[in-house]
Amino acid sequence: MSNALPPLHEGHAPITLQQLFREALYAFEEWDAEVTEPIVTFEGRIVPVSVVFEAMRECTDIVPNNIVSAVTERLTKPWAGEGPLDTMTFSTAARVMGVLVRKRLLAVSNGVDVVAVAVKGQATEKSDR
């Protein structure tokens, strides 16, 4: 599925991929208690947000400040950039968001398992009566 997205050119993402990253970030922000990973569309194709974040892992372009804020507010430790004016690359943002997606999917799948176990336990309890 990653072939469906435009490639980076010497570490630079086309504007369409940068815009898709922003859409994926917004989709992540709205991800509530759904079990499935959020999706975005690109040229009529459905793409999971993790695929978008993965496609940007090697991007050296600087992230706009509004996206930096959206990413850093999810961090448990304060963000300290290494460059002037604490700039963040899409690569850094994509890696952070990729980890957050995996953590959320793990938490959601664990929540589903807990519910399934609780239901199974209730059914067993009723059959024992």
N, C-alpha and C. Protein backbone atom coordinates (compact mmCIF):
# COMPACT_ATOMS: atom_id res chain seq x y z
N MET A 1 0.81 -1.18 0.00
CA MET A 1 0.00 0.00 0.00
C MET A 1 0.86 1.25 0.00
N SER A 2 2.08 1.18 0.51
CA SER A 2 2.93 2.36 0.54
C SER A 2 3.28 2.82 -0.87
N ASN A 3 3.16 1.94 -1.88
CA ASN A 3 3.42 2.33 -3.25
C ASN A 3 2.37 3.30 -3.77
N ALA A 4 1.23 3.38 -3.11
CA ALA A 4 0.15 4.26 -3.54
C ALA A 4 0.46 5.73 -3.24
N LEU A 5 1.43 5.98 -2.38
CA LEU A 5 1.78 7.35 -2.01
C LEU A 5 2.97 7.84 -2.83
N PRO A 6 3.05 9.14 -3.07
CA PRO A 6 4.18 9.67 -3.84
C PRO A 6 5.49 9.50 -3.07
N PRO A 7 6.58 9.24 -3.77
CA PRO A 7 7.86 9.04 -3.09
C PRO A 7 8.50 10.38 -2.68
N LEU A 8 9.43 10.28 -1.77
CA LEU A 8 10.24 11.44 -1.40
C LEU A 8 11.28 11.66 -2.49
N HIS A 9 11.71 12.89 -2.67
CA HIS A 9 12.75 13.22 -3.63
C HIS A 9 13.92 13.82 -2.88
N GLU A 10 14.97 13.02 -2.70
CA GLU A 10 16.16 13.43 -1.95
C GLU A 10 15.78 13.97 -0.57
N GLY A 11 14.87 13.28 0.09
CA GLY A 11 14.45 13.66 1.44
C GLY A 11 13.34 14.68 1.51
N HIS A 12 12.88 15.15 0.36
CA HIS A 12 11.82 16.16 0.33
C HIS A 12 10.51 15.54 -0.14
N ALA A 13 9.45 15.89 0.56
CA ALA A 13 8.12 15.35 0.23
C ALA A 13 7.38 16.31 -0.69
N PRO A 14 6.67 15.78 -1.68
CA PRO A 14 5.80 16.65 -2.47
C PRO A 14 4.72 17.25 -1.57
N ILE A 15 4.21 18.39 -1.97
CA ILE A 15 3.21 19.08 -1.15
C ILE A 15 1.99 18.21 -0.89
N THR A 16 1.65 17.35 -1.84
CA THR A 16 0.48 16.47 -1.64
C THR A 16 0.72 15.52 -0.48
N LEU A 17 1.94 15.05 -0.31
CA LEU A 17 2.25 14.14 0.80
C LEU A 17 2.28 14.91 2.12
N GLN A 18 2.78 16.14 2.10
CA GLN A 18 2.76 16.97 3.31
C GLN A 18 1.32 17.26 3.74
N GLN A 19 0.45 17.52 2.78
CA GLN A 19 -0.96 17.76 3.09
C GLN A 19 -1.63 16.49 3.62
N LEU A 20 -1.26 15.35 3.06
CA LEU A 20 -1.80 14.08 3.53
C LEU A 20 -1.35 13.79 4.97
N PHE A 21 -0.11 14.18 5.29
CA PHE A 21 0.39 14.03 6.65
C PHE A 21 -0.48 14.84 7.61
N ARG A 22 -0.82 16.06 7.21
CA ARG A 22 -1.66 16.92 8.05
C ARG A 22 -3.04 16.28 8.23
N GLU A 23 -3.61 15.74 7.15
CA GLU A 23 -4.91 15.06 7.25
C GLU A 23 -4.83 13.85 8.17
N ALA A 24 -3.72 13.10 8.08
CA ALA A 24 -3.54 11.92 8.94
C ALA A 24 -3.44 12.34 10.40
N LEU A 25 -2.77 13.45 10.65
CA LEU A 25 -2.65 13.97 12.01
C LEU A 25 -4.03 14.37 12.55
N TYR A 26 -4.83 15.03 11.74
CA TYR A 26 -6.19 15.41 12.16
C TYR A 26 -7.05 14.16 12.40
N ALA A 27 -6.90 13.15 11.54
CA ALA A 27 -7.66 11.91 11.73
C ALA A 27 -7.25 11.24 13.04
N PHE A 28 -5.96 11.28 13.35
CA PHE A 28 -5.48 10.72 14.62
C PHE A 28 -6.09 11.48 15.80
N GLU A 29 -6.15 12.82 15.69
CA GLU A 29 -6.71 13.64 16.76
C GLU A 29 -8.16 13.28 17.05
N GLU A 30 -8.89 12.88 16.02
CA GLU A 30 -10.31 12.56 16.20
C GLU A 30 -10.56 11.09 16.51
N TRP A 31 -9.51 10.31 16.64
CA TRP A 31 -9.61 8.88 16.91
C TRP A 31 -10.05 8.70 18.35
N ASP A 32 -11.28 8.27 18.54
CA ASP A 32 -11.80 8.08 19.89
C ASP A 32 -11.60 6.64 20.32
N ALA A 33 -12.68 5.97 20.58
CA ALA A 33 -12.61 4.60 21.09
C ALA A 33 -12.80 3.57 19.98
N GLU A 34 -12.66 4.00 18.74
CA GLU A 34 -12.81 3.04 17.64
C GLU A 34 -11.72 1.98 17.72
N VAL A 35 -12.05 0.81 17.29
CA VAL A 35 -11.08 -0.28 17.32
C VAL A 35 -10.11 -0.16 16.14
N THR A 36 -10.62 0.31 15.02
CA THR A 36 -9.78 0.36 13.83
C THR A 36 -8.98 1.65 13.75
N GLU A 37 -7.88 1.55 13.06
CA GLU A 37 -7.01 2.70 12.83
C GLU A 37 -7.69 3.71 11.91
N PRO A 38 -7.51 5.00 12.17
CA PRO A 38 -8.10 6.00 11.29
C PRO A 38 -7.52 5.91 9.88
N ILE A 39 -8.29 6.39 8.92
CA ILE A 39 -7.86 6.35 7.53
C ILE A 39 -7.99 7.74 6.92
N VAL A 40 -7.26 7.94 5.83
CA VAL A 40 -7.39 9.12 4.99
C VAL A 40 -7.49 8.62 3.56
N THR A 41 -7.88 9.50 2.66
CA THR A 41 -7.95 9.09 1.26
C THR A 41 -6.93 9.88 0.45
N PHE A 42 -6.33 9.19 -0.50
CA PHE A 42 -5.37 9.81 -1.40
C PHE A 42 -5.66 9.30 -2.81
N GLU A 43 -6.02 10.22 -3.68
CA GLU A 43 -6.35 9.88 -5.07
C GLU A 43 -7.35 8.73 -5.15
N GLY A 44 -8.38 8.81 -4.30
CA GLY A 44 -9.44 7.82 -4.31
C GLY A 44 -9.11 6.52 -3.58
N ARG A 45 -7.92 6.41 -3.03
CA ARG A 45 -7.52 5.20 -2.30
C ARG A 45 -7.61 5.46 -0.79
N ILE A 46 -8.03 4.44 -0.07
CA ILE A 46 -8.08 4.52 1.39
C ILE A 46 -6.71 4.12 1.93
N VAL A 47 -6.17 4.98 2.81
CA VAL A 47 -4.83 4.76 3.35
C VAL A 47 -4.87 4.90 4.87
N PRO A 48 -4.42 3.87 5.62
CA PRO A 48 -4.33 4.01 7.08
C PRO A 48 -3.32 5.10 7.45
N VAL A 49 -3.57 5.80 8.54
CA VAL A 49 -2.67 6.89 8.92
C VAL A 49 -1.25 6.39 9.18
N SER A 50 -1.10 5.18 9.66
CA SER A 50 0.25 4.66 9.92
C SER A 50 1.07 4.56 8.63
N VAL A 51 0.42 4.31 7.51
CA VAL A 51 1.11 4.24 6.22
C VAL A 51 1.62 5.63 5.82
N VAL A 52 0.81 6.63 6.08
CA VAL A 52 1.23 8.01 5.78
C VAL A 52 2.42 8.39 6.65
N PHE A 53 2.34 8.09 7.94
CA PHE A 53 3.45 8.42 8.84
C PHE A 53 4.71 7.66 8.44
N GLU A 54 4.57 6.41 8.05
CA GLU A 54 5.72 5.61 7.62
C GLU A 54 6.35 6.20 6.36
N ALA A 55 5.54 6.69 5.45
CA ALA A 55 6.05 7.26 4.20
C ALA A 55 6.88 8.52 4.45
N MET A 56 6.65 9.18 5.57
CA MET A 56 7.35 10.44 5.87
C MET A 56 8.53 10.26 6.82
N ARG A 57 8.86 9.04 7.17
CA ARG A 57 9.94 8.79 8.16
C ARG A 57 11.30 9.30 7.73
N GLU A 58 11.55 9.42 6.46
CA GLU A 58 12.86 9.88 5.98
C GLU A 58 12.82 11.30 5.43
N CYS A 59 11.72 12.01 5.66
CA CYS A 59 11.55 13.35 5.11
C CYS A 59 12.30 14.38 5.95
N THR A 60 13.14 15.16 5.30
CA THR A 60 13.96 16.16 6.00
C THR A 60 13.34 17.55 5.98
N ASP A 61 12.16 17.69 5.40
CA ASP A 61 11.48 19.00 5.37
C ASP A 61 11.09 19.42 6.78
N ILE A 62 11.06 20.73 6.99
CA ILE A 62 10.70 21.28 8.29
C ILE A 62 9.17 21.32 8.42
N VAL A 63 8.68 20.92 9.58
CA VAL A 63 7.25 20.88 9.85
C VAL A 63 6.78 22.30 10.21
N PRO A 64 5.63 22.73 9.67
CA PRO A 64 5.07 24.03 10.08
C PRO A 64 4.74 24.03 11.58
N ASN A 65 4.79 25.22 12.18
CA ASN A 65 4.60 25.33 13.63
C ASN A 65 3.28 24.77 14.13
N ASN A 66 2.21 24.93 13.36
CA ASN A 66 0.92 24.41 13.84
C ASN A 66 0.93 22.89 13.93
N ILE A 67 1.67 22.24 13.06
CA ILE A 67 1.78 20.78 13.13
C ILE A 67 2.73 20.39 14.27
N VAL A 68 3.79 21.17 14.46
CA VAL A 68 4.70 20.90 15.59
C VAL A 68 3.91 20.90 16.89
N SER A 69 3.05 21.89 17.05
CA SER A 69 2.23 21.99 18.28
C SER A 69 1.34 20.77 18.43
N ALA A 70 0.71 20.36 17.34
CA ALA A 70 -0.20 19.21 17.39
C ALA A 70 0.54 17.93 17.77
N VAL A 71 1.78 17.81 17.33
CA VAL A 71 2.57 16.62 17.66
C VAL A 71 3.10 16.70 19.09
N THR A 72 3.68 17.84 19.46
CA THR A 72 4.33 17.93 20.77
C THR A 72 3.36 17.89 21.94
N GLU A 73 2.10 18.28 21.73
CA GLU A 73 1.15 18.23 22.84
C GLU A 73 0.80 16.79 23.22
N ARG A 74 1.17 15.84 22.39
CA ARG A 74 0.93 14.43 22.69
C ARG A 74 2.11 13.75 23.38
N LEU A 75 3.22 14.45 23.47
CA LEU A 75 4.42 13.88 24.08
C LEU A 75 4.32 13.91 25.60
N THR A 76 4.89 12.90 26.23
CA THR A 76 4.90 12.87 27.69
C THR A 76 6.07 13.64 28.26
N LYS A 77 7.10 13.88 27.43
CA LYS A 77 8.25 14.68 27.84
C LYS A 77 8.28 15.93 26.97
N PRO A 78 8.79 17.04 27.49
CA PRO A 78 8.82 18.26 26.68
C PRO A 78 9.73 18.11 25.46
N TRP A 79 9.30 18.72 24.36
CA TRP A 79 10.08 18.68 23.12
C TRP A 79 11.20 19.71 23.21
N ALA A 80 12.41 19.28 22.88
CA ALA A 80 13.55 20.19 22.79
C ALA A 80 14.23 19.91 21.46
N GLY A 81 14.08 20.80 20.53
CA GLY A 81 14.68 20.63 19.21
C GLY A 81 16.18 20.79 19.26
N GLU A 82 16.84 20.30 18.22
CA GLU A 82 18.30 20.38 18.17
C GLU A 82 18.78 21.54 17.32
N GLY A 83 17.90 22.16 16.57
CA GLY A 83 18.31 23.21 15.66
C GLY A 83 17.89 24.57 16.14
N PRO A 84 18.17 25.58 15.31
CA PRO A 84 17.74 26.92 15.68
C PRO A 84 16.22 27.01 15.69
N LEU A 85 15.71 27.75 16.63
CA LEU A 85 14.27 27.94 16.80
C LEU A 85 13.51 26.64 17.06
N ASP A 86 14.22 25.64 17.54
CA ASP A 86 13.59 24.35 17.88
C ASP A 86 12.74 23.81 16.74
N THR A 87 13.33 23.68 15.58
CA THR A 87 12.61 23.16 14.43
C THR A 87 12.45 21.65 14.53
N MET A 88 11.41 21.14 13.89
CA MET A 88 11.15 19.71 13.85
C MET A 88 10.99 19.31 12.39
N THR A 89 11.59 18.19 12.03
CA THR A 89 11.43 17.68 10.66
C THR A 89 10.20 16.77 10.59
N PHE A 90 9.72 16.56 9.38
CA PHE A 90 8.62 15.61 9.19
C PHE A 90 9.07 14.22 9.63
N SER A 91 10.35 13.92 9.48
CA SER A 91 10.86 12.62 9.91
C SER A 91 10.61 12.41 11.40
N THR A 92 10.97 13.40 12.20
CA THR A 92 10.75 13.31 13.65
C THR A 92 9.27 13.21 13.97
N ALA A 93 8.48 14.07 13.35
CA ALA A 93 7.03 14.06 13.60
C ALA A 93 6.42 12.73 13.20
N ALA A 94 6.86 12.19 12.07
CA ALA A 94 6.32 10.91 11.58
C ALA A 94 6.68 9.77 12.53
N ARG A 95 7.89 9.78 13.04
CA ARG A 95 8.31 8.74 13.98
C ARG A 95 7.51 8.81 15.27
N VAL A 96 7.30 10.02 15.78
CA VAL A 96 6.50 10.20 16.99
C VAL A 96 5.08 9.70 16.76
N MET A 97 4.49 10.13 15.66
CA MET A 97 3.10 9.74 15.38
C MET A 97 2.98 8.24 15.12
N GLY A 98 3.98 7.64 14.48
CA GLY A 98 3.97 6.19 14.26
C GLY A 98 3.94 5.43 15.58
N VAL A 99 4.75 5.89 16.53
CA VAL A 99 4.76 5.26 17.86
C VAL A 99 3.41 5.44 18.54
N LEU A 100 2.84 6.63 18.44
CA LEU A 100 1.54 6.89 19.08
C LEU A 100 0.43 6.03 18.47
N VAL A 101 0.48 5.81 17.16
CA VAL A 101 -0.52 4.94 16.52
C VAL A 101 -0.37 3.52 17.05
N ARG A 102 0.87 3.02 17.10
CA ARG A 102 1.08 1.65 17.60
C ARG A 102 0.64 1.51 19.05
N LYS A 103 0.94 2.52 19.88
CA LYS A 103 0.50 2.48 21.28
C LYS A 103 -1.02 2.47 21.38
N ARG A 104 -1.68 3.28 20.58
CA ARG A 104 -3.14 3.35 20.62
C ARG A 104 -3.74 2.03 20.15
N LEU A 105 -3.20 1.46 19.07
CA LEU A 105 -3.72 0.18 18.58
C LEU A 105 -3.54 -0.91 19.62
N LEU A 106 -2.41 -0.89 20.31
CA LEU A 106 -2.17 -1.87 21.36
C LEU A 106 -3.15 -1.68 22.51
N ALA A 107 -3.37 -0.43 22.90
CA ALA A 107 -4.31 -0.16 24.00
C ALA A 107 -5.73 -0.55 23.61
N VAL A 108 -6.11 -0.25 22.37
CA VAL A 108 -7.46 -0.59 21.91
C VAL A 108 -7.62 -2.10 21.85
N SER A 109 -6.63 -2.80 21.31
CA SER A 109 -6.76 -4.26 21.21
C SER A 109 -6.75 -4.90 22.59
N ASN A 110 -6.00 -4.33 23.51
CA ASN A 110 -6.04 -4.84 24.88
C ASN A 110 -7.40 -4.58 25.51
N GLY A 111 -7.99 -3.43 25.24
CA GLY A 111 -9.32 -3.11 25.75
C GLY A 111 -10.36 -4.08 25.21
N VAL A 112 -10.23 -4.45 23.93
CA VAL A 112 -11.16 -5.41 23.34
C VAL A 112 -11.01 -6.75 24.01
N ASP A 113 -9.79 -7.17 24.27
CA ASP A 113 -9.55 -8.44 24.93
C ASP A 113 -10.17 -8.45 26.33
N VAL A 114 -10.04 -7.34 27.04
CA VAL A 114 -10.59 -7.24 28.39
C VAL A 114 -12.12 -7.38 28.33
N VAL A 115 -12.74 -6.72 27.38
CA VAL A 115 -14.19 -6.81 27.23
C VAL A 115 -14.60 -8.23 26.89
N ALA A 116 -13.88 -8.87 25.96
CA ALA A 116 -14.20 -10.23 25.56
C ALA A 116 -14.07 -11.18 26.74
N VAL A 117 -13.04 -10.99 27.54
CA VAL A 117 -12.85 -11.85 28.71
C VAL A 117 -13.98 -11.61 29.72
N ALA A 118 -14.38 -10.36 29.91
CA ALA A 118 -15.46 -10.05 30.85
C ALA A 118 -16.77 -10.69 30.40
N VAL A 119 -17.07 -10.61 29.11
CA VAL A 119 -18.29 -11.22 28.58
C VAL A 119 -18.24 -12.73 28.73
N LYS A 120 -17.10 -13.30 28.41
CA LYS A 120 -16.94 -14.75 28.54
C LYS A 120 -17.08 -15.17 30.00
N GLY A 121 -16.53 -14.36 30.91
CA GLY A 121 -16.64 -14.66 32.33
C GLY A 121 -18.07 -14.60 32.81
N GLN A 122 -18.84 -13.62 32.31
CA GLN A 122 -20.24 -13.52 32.68
C GLN A 122 -21.03 -14.71 32.15
N ALA A 123 -20.73 -15.14 30.94
CA ALA A 123 -21.44 -16.29 30.36
C ALA A 123 -21.12 -17.56 31.16
N THR A 124 -19.87 -17.72 31.57
CA THR A 124 -19.48 -18.88 32.35
C THR A 124 -20.18 -18.84 33.72
N GLU A 125 -20.24 -17.66 34.30
CA GLU A 125 -20.87 -17.49 35.60
C GLU A 125 -22.36 -17.86 35.52
N LYS A 126 -23.03 -17.44 34.46
CA LYS A 126 -24.45 -17.76 34.31
C LYS A 126 -24.66 -19.25 34.08
N SER A 127 -23.75 -19.90 33.33
CA SER A 127 -23.92 -21.33 33.06
C SER A 127 -23.63 -22.17 34.30
N ASP A 128 -22.84 -21.64 35.23
CA ASP A 128 -22.53 -22.35 36.48
C ASP A 128 -23.72 -22.34 37.44
N ARG A 129 -24.63 -21.41 37.24
CA ARG A 129 -25.77 -21.31 38.16
C ARG A 129 -26.71 -22.39 37.84
